[in-house]
N, C-alpha and C. Protein backbone atom coordinates (compact mmCIF):
# COMPACT_ATOMS: atom_id res chain seq x y z
N UNK A 1 112.71 -66.22 77.34
CA UNK A 1 114.24 -66.73 77.68
C UNK A 1 114.51 -67.40 76.46
N UNK A 2 115.72 -67.73 75.96
CA UNK A 2 116.29 -68.65 74.96
C UNK A 2 116.54 -69.71 75.69
N UNK A 3 115.99 -70.99 74.53
CA UNK A 3 116.44 -72.13 74.92
C UNK A 3 118.07 -72.35 74.75
N UNK A 4 118.65 -73.17 75.11
CA UNK A 4 120.35 -73.26 75.36
C UNK A 4 120.21 -74.25 74.19
N UNK A 5 119.56 -74.88 73.49
CA UNK A 5 119.90 -75.57 72.55
C UNK A 5 118.68 -75.92 71.25
N UNK A 6 118.69 -75.97 70.44
CA UNK A 6 118.21 -75.62 69.23
C UNK A 6 118.10 -76.97 68.28
N UNK A 7 117.40 -77.75 68.10
CA UNK A 7 116.98 -78.99 67.36
C UNK A 7 116.17 -79.19 66.06
N UNK A 8 116.80 -79.03 65.35
CA UNK A 8 116.41 -78.85 63.85
C UNK A 8 116.13 -79.86 63.01
N UNK A 9 115.03 -80.51 62.90
CA UNK A 9 114.81 -81.69 61.93
C UNK A 9 113.88 -81.55 60.93
N UNK A 10 114.73 -81.11 59.75
CA UNK A 10 114.22 -81.33 58.12
C UNK A 10 112.97 -82.87 58.25
N UNK A 11 111.64 -82.72 57.86
CA UNK A 11 111.08 -83.29 57.44
C UNK A 11 110.60 -83.23 56.31
N UNK A 12 110.34 -84.50 55.50
CA UNK A 12 110.19 -84.52 53.90
C UNK A 12 109.40 -86.18 54.08
N UNK A 13 107.86 -86.00 54.07
CA UNK A 13 107.35 -87.39 54.20
C UNK A 13 107.92 -88.25 55.06
N UNK A 14 107.52 -87.55 56.15
CA UNK A 14 107.91 -88.71 57.62
C UNK A 14 106.49 -88.85 58.33
N UNK A 15 105.78 -89.17 57.61
CA UNK A 15 104.08 -89.01 58.26
C UNK A 15 104.63 -90.57 59.61
N UNK A 16 105.17 -91.33 58.71
CA UNK A 16 105.34 -92.83 59.78
C UNK A 16 106.13 -92.51 60.54
N UNK A 17 107.15 -91.73 60.78
CA UNK A 17 107.80 -91.67 61.81
C UNK A 17 108.08 -90.69 62.86
N UNK A 18 107.43 -89.24 62.26
CA UNK A 18 107.73 -87.74 62.78
C UNK A 18 107.69 -88.13 64.42
N UNK A 19 106.19 -88.49 64.75
CA UNK A 19 105.70 -88.60 65.83
C UNK A 19 107.03 -89.50 66.72
N UNK A 20 107.66 -90.39 66.43
CA UNK A 20 108.24 -91.28 67.32
C UNK A 20 110.02 -90.13 67.75
N UNK A 21 109.86 -89.63 66.54
CA UNK A 21 111.21 -88.93 66.23
C UNK A 21 110.79 -87.30 67.27
N UNK A 22 109.89 -86.77 67.17
CA UNK A 22 109.64 -85.72 68.22
C UNK A 22 109.49 -86.35 69.63
N UNK A 23 108.76 -87.50 69.78
CA UNK A 23 108.88 -88.11 71.21
C UNK A 23 109.93 -88.44 71.92
N UNK A 24 111.26 -88.74 70.95
CA UNK A 24 112.41 -88.90 71.43
C UNK A 24 113.44 -87.93 72.00
N UNK A 25 113.15 -86.91 71.32
CA UNK A 25 113.90 -85.72 71.42
C UNK A 25 113.19 -84.90 73.18
N UNK A 26 112.01 -84.73 73.08
CA UNK A 26 111.45 -84.30 74.03
C UNK A 26 111.11 -84.86 75.53
N UNK A 27 111.47 -86.18 75.30
CA UNK A 27 111.63 -87.05 76.41
C UNK A 27 112.44 -86.92 77.13
N UNK A 28 113.45 -86.51 76.77
CA UNK A 28 115.08 -86.39 77.68
C UNK A 28 115.05 -85.45 78.72
N UNK A 29 115.73 -85.92 79.67
CA UNK A 29 115.76 -85.56 80.86
C UNK A 29 115.89 -83.61 81.15
N UNK A 30 116.92 -83.10 79.35
CA UNK A 30 117.34 -82.09 79.31
C UNK A 30 115.93 -81.33 78.67
N UNK A 31 115.37 -80.38 79.15
CA UNK A 31 114.22 -79.79 78.90
C UNK A 31 114.61 -78.32 78.37
N UNK A 32 115.68 -77.71 78.27
CA UNK A 32 116.03 -76.24 78.13
C UNK A 32 116.83 -76.10 76.48
N UNK A 33 115.21 -76.43 75.34
CA UNK A 33 115.42 -76.65 74.27
C UNK A 33 114.37 -76.30 73.35
N UNK A 34 114.27 -75.95 71.94
CA UNK A 34 113.14 -76.00 71.46
C UNK A 34 113.64 -76.68 70.15
N UNK A 35 112.31 -77.19 69.77
CA UNK A 35 112.28 -78.19 68.56
C UNK A 35 111.85 -77.69 66.90
N UNK A 36 112.47 -77.35 66.45
CA UNK A 36 112.11 -76.46 64.81
C UNK A 36 112.14 -77.89 64.04
N UNK A 37 110.59 -78.28 63.59
CA UNK A 37 110.28 -78.91 62.54
C UNK A 37 110.01 -78.08 61.32
N UNK A 38 110.89 -78.54 60.24
CA UNK A 38 110.81 -77.67 58.88
C UNK A 38 110.57 -78.82 57.82
N UNK A 39 109.24 -78.89 57.70
CA UNK A 39 108.52 -79.65 56.46
C UNK A 39 108.96 -78.71 55.16
N UNK A 40 109.71 -79.47 54.95
CA UNK A 40 110.08 -79.45 52.95
C UNK A 40 109.35 -79.38 52.31
N UNK A 41 107.94 -79.18 51.87
CA UNK A 41 107.07 -79.62 50.87
C UNK A 41 106.30 -81.01 50.94
N UNK A 42 106.58 -81.59 51.81
CA UNK A 42 106.27 -82.82 51.88
C UNK A 42 104.93 -83.10 51.28
N UNK A 43 104.60 -84.41 50.99
CA UNK A 43 103.19 -84.87 49.84
C UNK A 43 102.29 -85.59 50.62
N UNK A 44 102.82 -86.09 52.05
CA UNK A 44 102.00 -86.80 52.90
C UNK A 44 101.23 -85.88 54.01
N UNK A 45 101.19 -86.67 54.87
CA UNK A 45 100.25 -85.76 55.89
C UNK A 45 101.36 -85.11 56.78
N UNK A 46 102.80 -85.19 56.47
CA UNK A 46 103.58 -84.78 57.77
C UNK A 46 103.57 -83.14 57.64
N UNK A 47 103.34 -82.30 57.18
CA UNK A 47 102.89 -80.88 57.50
C UNK A 47 102.09 -80.72 58.26
N UNK A 48 100.64 -81.38 58.25
CA UNK A 48 99.50 -80.97 59.27
C UNK A 48 99.91 -81.73 60.30
N UNK A 49 100.62 -82.82 60.43
CA UNK A 49 101.02 -83.53 61.57
C UNK A 49 101.93 -82.71 62.49
N UNK A 50 102.84 -82.30 61.87
CA UNK A 50 103.84 -81.26 62.87
C UNK A 50 103.06 -80.18 63.08
N UNK A 51 102.06 -79.67 62.71
CA UNK A 51 100.85 -78.56 63.00
C UNK A 51 100.43 -78.89 64.56
N UNK A 52 99.87 -80.54 64.30
CA UNK A 52 99.51 -80.54 65.48
C UNK A 52 100.41 -81.00 66.33
N UNK A 53 101.27 -81.83 66.16
CA UNK A 53 102.29 -81.71 67.08
C UNK A 53 103.01 -80.19 68.50
N UNK A 54 102.74 -79.42 67.33
CA UNK A 54 103.11 -78.35 67.83
C UNK A 54 102.23 -77.52 68.81
N UNK A 55 101.02 -77.88 68.57
CA UNK A 55 99.78 -77.02 69.29
C UNK A 55 100.20 -78.19 71.06
N UNK A 56 100.35 -78.94 70.90
CA UNK A 56 100.88 -80.05 72.28
C UNK A 56 101.94 -79.61 73.25
N UNK A 57 102.82 -78.76 72.51
CA UNK A 57 103.90 -78.42 73.17
C UNK A 57 104.86 -77.33 72.90
N UNK A 58 104.99 -76.18 73.42
CA UNK A 58 105.14 -74.95 73.08
C UNK A 58 106.53 -74.86 72.68
N UNK A 59 107.69 -75.53 73.14
CA UNK A 59 109.06 -76.06 72.64
C UNK A 59 109.14 -76.19 71.00
N UNK A 60 107.88 -76.48 70.47
CA UNK A 60 108.06 -77.07 68.70
C UNK A 60 107.62 -75.71 68.03
N UNK A 61 108.45 -75.47 67.41
CA UNK A 61 108.23 -74.50 66.11
C UNK A 61 108.04 -75.36 64.63
N UNK A 62 107.05 -74.86 63.98
CA UNK A 62 106.80 -75.71 62.57
C UNK A 62 107.37 -74.60 61.79
N UNK A 63 107.92 -74.94 60.59
CA UNK A 63 108.22 -73.94 59.62
C UNK A 63 107.75 -74.81 58.35
N UNK A 64 107.11 -74.23 57.32
CA UNK A 64 106.27 -74.96 56.22
C UNK A 64 107.75 -74.27 55.14
N UNK A 65 108.18 -74.90 53.79
CA UNK A 65 108.62 -74.53 52.59
C UNK A 65 108.60 -75.28 51.66
N UNK A 66 108.86 -74.96 50.35
CA UNK A 66 108.86 -75.62 49.25
C UNK A 66 110.00 -76.36 49.55
N UNK A 67 109.59 -77.73 48.78
CA UNK A 67 110.79 -79.11 48.27
C UNK A 67 111.67 -78.23 47.91
N UNK A 68 113.02 -78.26 48.78
CA UNK A 68 114.40 -77.93 48.08
C UNK A 68 115.42 -78.73 48.69
N UNK A 69 115.01 -79.76 49.58
CA UNK A 69 116.27 -80.47 50.11
C UNK A 69 116.54 -80.26 50.95
N UNK A 70 117.23 -81.60 52.08
CA UNK A 70 117.55 -81.61 53.52
C UNK A 70 118.37 -80.00 53.43
N UNK A 71 119.38 -79.85 52.82
CA UNK A 71 120.27 -78.93 53.32
C UNK A 71 119.55 -77.72 53.35
N UNK A 72 119.20 -77.27 52.41
CA UNK A 72 118.20 -75.71 52.54
C UNK A 72 117.13 -75.85 53.73
N UNK A 73 116.24 -77.17 53.88
CA UNK A 73 115.69 -76.98 55.15
C UNK A 73 116.45 -76.92 56.54
N UNK A 74 117.57 -77.37 56.57
CA UNK A 74 118.62 -77.35 57.76
C UNK A 74 118.99 -75.47 57.80
N UNK A 75 119.08 -75.09 56.72
CA UNK A 75 119.24 -73.72 56.81
C UNK A 75 118.25 -72.91 57.21
N UNK A 76 117.10 -72.90 56.96
CA UNK A 76 116.11 -72.37 57.51
C UNK A 76 115.77 -72.38 58.85
N UNK A 77 115.74 -73.38 59.10
CA UNK A 77 115.96 -73.71 60.45
C UNK A 77 116.55 -73.15 61.20
N UNK A 78 118.10 -72.77 60.49
CA UNK A 78 119.28 -72.45 61.46
C UNK A 78 119.15 -71.09 61.65
N UNK A 79 118.45 -70.28 60.37
CA UNK A 79 118.20 -69.21 60.02
C UNK A 79 116.82 -68.45 61.63
N UNK A 80 116.16 -69.87 61.84
CA UNK A 80 115.32 -69.51 62.96
C UNK A 80 115.37 -69.92 64.39
N UNK A 81 116.44 -70.37 64.35
CA UNK A 81 117.10 -71.06 65.63
C UNK A 81 117.18 -69.96 66.67
N UNK A 82 117.12 -69.83 68.08
CA UNK A 82 117.46 -69.01 68.80
C UNK A 82 118.59 -69.82 69.98
N UNK A 83 118.57 -70.99 70.05
CA UNK A 83 119.41 -71.52 71.16
C UNK A 83 120.73 -71.43 70.89
N UNK A 84 121.57 -71.25 72.05
CA UNK A 84 122.99 -71.18 71.94
C UNK A 84 123.68 -72.15 71.24
N UNK A 85 123.36 -73.28 71.30
CA UNK A 85 123.28 -74.91 70.73
C UNK A 85 122.91 -75.10 69.53
N UNK A 86 123.55 -75.88 68.48
CA UNK A 86 122.16 -75.98 67.27
C UNK A 86 122.96 -77.53 67.25
N UNK A 87 121.52 -78.44 67.07
CA UNK A 87 121.81 -79.93 67.14
C UNK A 87 120.90 -80.28 65.62
N UNK A 88 121.36 -80.91 64.64
CA UNK A 88 120.65 -81.55 63.99
C UNK A 88 120.07 -82.95 63.95
N UNK A 89 118.66 -83.39 63.95
CA UNK A 89 118.32 -84.84 63.74
C UNK A 89 117.56 -84.97 62.80
N UNK A 90 117.80 -85.96 62.15
CA UNK A 90 117.00 -87.10 60.88
C UNK A 90 115.64 -87.26 61.43
N UNK A 91 114.42 -87.24 60.76
CA UNK A 91 113.24 -87.22 61.02
C UNK A 91 112.95 -88.81 60.96
N UNK A 92 113.89 -89.52 60.61
CA UNK A 92 113.40 -91.28 60.78
C UNK A 92 114.33 -91.95 62.12
């Protein structure tokens, strides 16, 4: 079954904030969502951390790409989004 909302989060060197960001999204009362974390070629530990978070919650999907900027990261997330509605959230 497709989720109602796809939340797309471009991630670039957000190792210090991504846990809090993900928790704030998943802790909502509304749960019919998927969370797409798009690792935009991070050079810190953000990429592996996103993968770790995805193992803990089936609603999280991680996409990895070479660095190309926030716009391209959002576009990739949009290409993979399954929700009826789209929401963008910054990783910080």
